[in-house]
Amino acid sequence: MSRNNSNKLSVPKAKDAMNRFKMEAASEVGVSLNQGYNGDLTSRQAGSIGGQMVKKMIQAYEESLSK
């Protein structure tokens, strides 16, 4: 059975930038992340990081539209 890897980046060279973005979003919502494994996060913590990342991406897109 083939498994879809949703964590795979479309642009592999962007990995470091995405990790910095994730760490920045985590800091903004008050969640402490470690380099590497973070499997001990609660669903709420992980969701707040992801939500903050999406919020910032939408904001950047909206700003790009206004230019």
C-alpha atoms as a PDB file:
ATOM      1  CA  MET A   1       0.000   0.000   0.000  1.00  0.00           C
ATOM      2  CA  SER A   2       1.364   3.392  -1.023  1.00  0.00           C
ATOM      3  CA  ARG A   3       1.467   6.051   1.656  1.00  0.00           C
ATOM      4  CA  ASN A   4       1.070   9.751   0.881  1.00  0.00           C
ATOM      5  CA  ASN A   5       3.723  11.824   2.642  1.00  0.00           C
ATOM      6  CA  SER A   6       2.050  15.164   3.347  1.00  0.00           C
ATOM      7  CA  ASN A   7       5.216  16.477   5.033  1.00  0.00           C
ATOM      8  CA  LYS A   8       7.187  16.377   1.784  1.00  0.00           C
ATOM      9  CA  LEU A   9       8.137  19.841   0.556  1.00  0.00           C
ATOM     10  CA  SER A  10       7.434  20.799  -3.042  1.00  0.00           C
ATOM     11  CA  VAL A  11      10.774  22.617  -3.082  1.00  0.00           C
ATOM     12  CA  PRO A  12      13.290  20.574  -1.042  1.00  0.00           C
ATOM     13  CA  LYS A  13      15.733  23.514  -0.929  1.00  0.00           C
ATOM     14  CA  ALA A  14      13.179  25.402   1.177  1.00  0.00           C
ATOM     15  CA  LYS A  15      13.552  23.007   4.123  1.00  0.00           C
ATOM     16  CA  ASP A  16      15.744  25.300   6.241  1.00  0.00           C
ATOM     17  CA  ALA A  17      13.534  28.322   5.604  1.00  0.00           C
ATOM     18  CA  MET A  18      10.411  26.341   6.515  1.00  0.00           C
ATOM     19  CA  ASN A  19      12.045  25.145   9.748  1.00  0.00           C
ATOM     20  CA  ARG A  20      12.900  28.755  10.669  1.00  0.00           C
ATOM     21  CA  PHE A  21       9.326  29.775   9.801  1.00  0.00           C
ATOM     22  CA  LYS A  22       7.955  26.995  12.034  1.00  0.00           C
ATOM     23  CA  MET A  23      10.235  28.004  14.931  1.00  0.00           C
ATOM     24  CA  GLU A  24       9.165  31.653  14.539  1.00  0.00           C
ATOM     25  CA  ALA A  25       5.468  30.714  14.529  1.00  0.00           C
ATOM     26  CA  ALA A  26       5.958  28.496  17.590  1.00  0.00           C
ATOM     27  CA  SER A  27       7.648  31.334  19.442  1.00  0.00           C
ATOM     28  CA  GLU A  28       4.801  33.711  18.566  1.00  0.00           C
ATOM     29  CA  VAL A  29       2.192  31.374  20.069  1.00  0.00           C
ATOM     30  CA  GLY A  30       4.327  30.541  23.113  1.00  0.00           C
ATOM     31  CA  VAL A  31       5.227  26.939  22.262  1.00  0.00           C
ATOM     32  CA  SER A  32       8.784  25.785  22.860  1.00  0.00           C
ATOM     33  CA  LEU A  33      10.162  23.627  20.032  1.00  0.00           C
ATOM     34  CA  ASN A  34      13.332  21.569  20.021  1.00  0.00           C
ATOM     35  CA  GLN A  35      15.527  21.037  16.984  1.00  0.00           C
ATOM     36  CA  GLY A  36      14.573  17.594  15.687  1.00  0.00           C
ATOM     37  CA  TYR A  37      11.959  15.481  17.453  1.00  0.00           C
ATOM     38  CA  ASN A  38       8.893  17.239  18.885  1.00  0.00           C
ATOM     39  CA  GLY A  39       6.536  14.289  19.208  1.00  0.00           C
ATOM     40  CA  ASP A  40       5.733  15.225  22.788  1.00  0.00           C
ATOM     41  CA  LEU A  41       3.687  18.266  21.706  1.00  0.00           C
ATOM     42  CA  THR A  42      -0.016  18.168  22.386  1.00  0.00           C
ATOM     43  CA  SER A  43      -2.429  18.362  19.477  1.00  0.00           C
ATOM     44  CA  ARG A  44      -3.411  21.826  20.684  1.00  0.00           C
ATOM     45  CA  GLN A  45       0.202  23.036  20.624  1.00  0.00           C
ATOM     46  CA  ALA A  46       0.902  21.567  17.180  1.00  0.00           C
ATOM     47  CA  GLY A  47      -2.364  23.005  15.863  1.00  0.00           C
ATOM     48  CA  SER A  48      -1.597  26.454  17.198  1.00  0.00           C
ATOM     49  CA  ILE A  49       1.773  26.417  15.426  1.00  0.00           C
ATOM     50  CA  GLY A  50       0.212  25.282  12.149  1.00  0.00           C
ATOM     51  CA  GLY A  51      -2.585  27.807  12.488  1.00  0.00           C
ATOM     52  CA  GLN A  52      -0.119  30.634  13.074  1.00  0.00           C
ATOM     53  CA  MET A  53       1.879  29.550  10.007  1.00  0.00           C
ATOM     54  CA  VAL A  54      -1.253  29.568   7.833  1.00  0.00           C
ATOM     55  CA  LYS A  55      -2.307  32.936   9.221  1.00  0.00           C
ATOM     56  CA  LYS A  56       1.091  34.435   8.331  1.00  0.00           C
ATOM     57  CA  MET A  57       1.055  32.880   4.839  1.00  0.00           C
ATOM     58  CA  ILE A  58      -2.409  34.302   4.134  1.00  0.00           C
ATOM     59  CA  GLN A  59      -1.306  37.704   5.419  1.00  0.00           C
ATOM     60  CA  ALA A  60       1.777  37.643   3.142  1.00  0.00           C
ATOM     61  CA  TYR A  61      -0.376  36.661   0.165  1.00  0.00           C
ATOM     62  CA  GLU A  62      -2.879  39.433   0.849  1.00  0.00           C
ATOM     63  CA  GLU A  63      -0.028  41.947   1.096  1.00  0.00           C
ATOM     64  CA  SER A  64       1.372  40.720  -2.233  1.00  0.00           C
ATOM     65  CA  LEU A  65      -2.032  41.270  -3.854  1.00  0.00           C
ATOM     66  CA  SER A  66      -2.164  44.863  -2.679  1.00  0.00           C
ATOM     67  CA  LYS A  67       1.125  45.754  -4.410  1.00  0.00           C
END
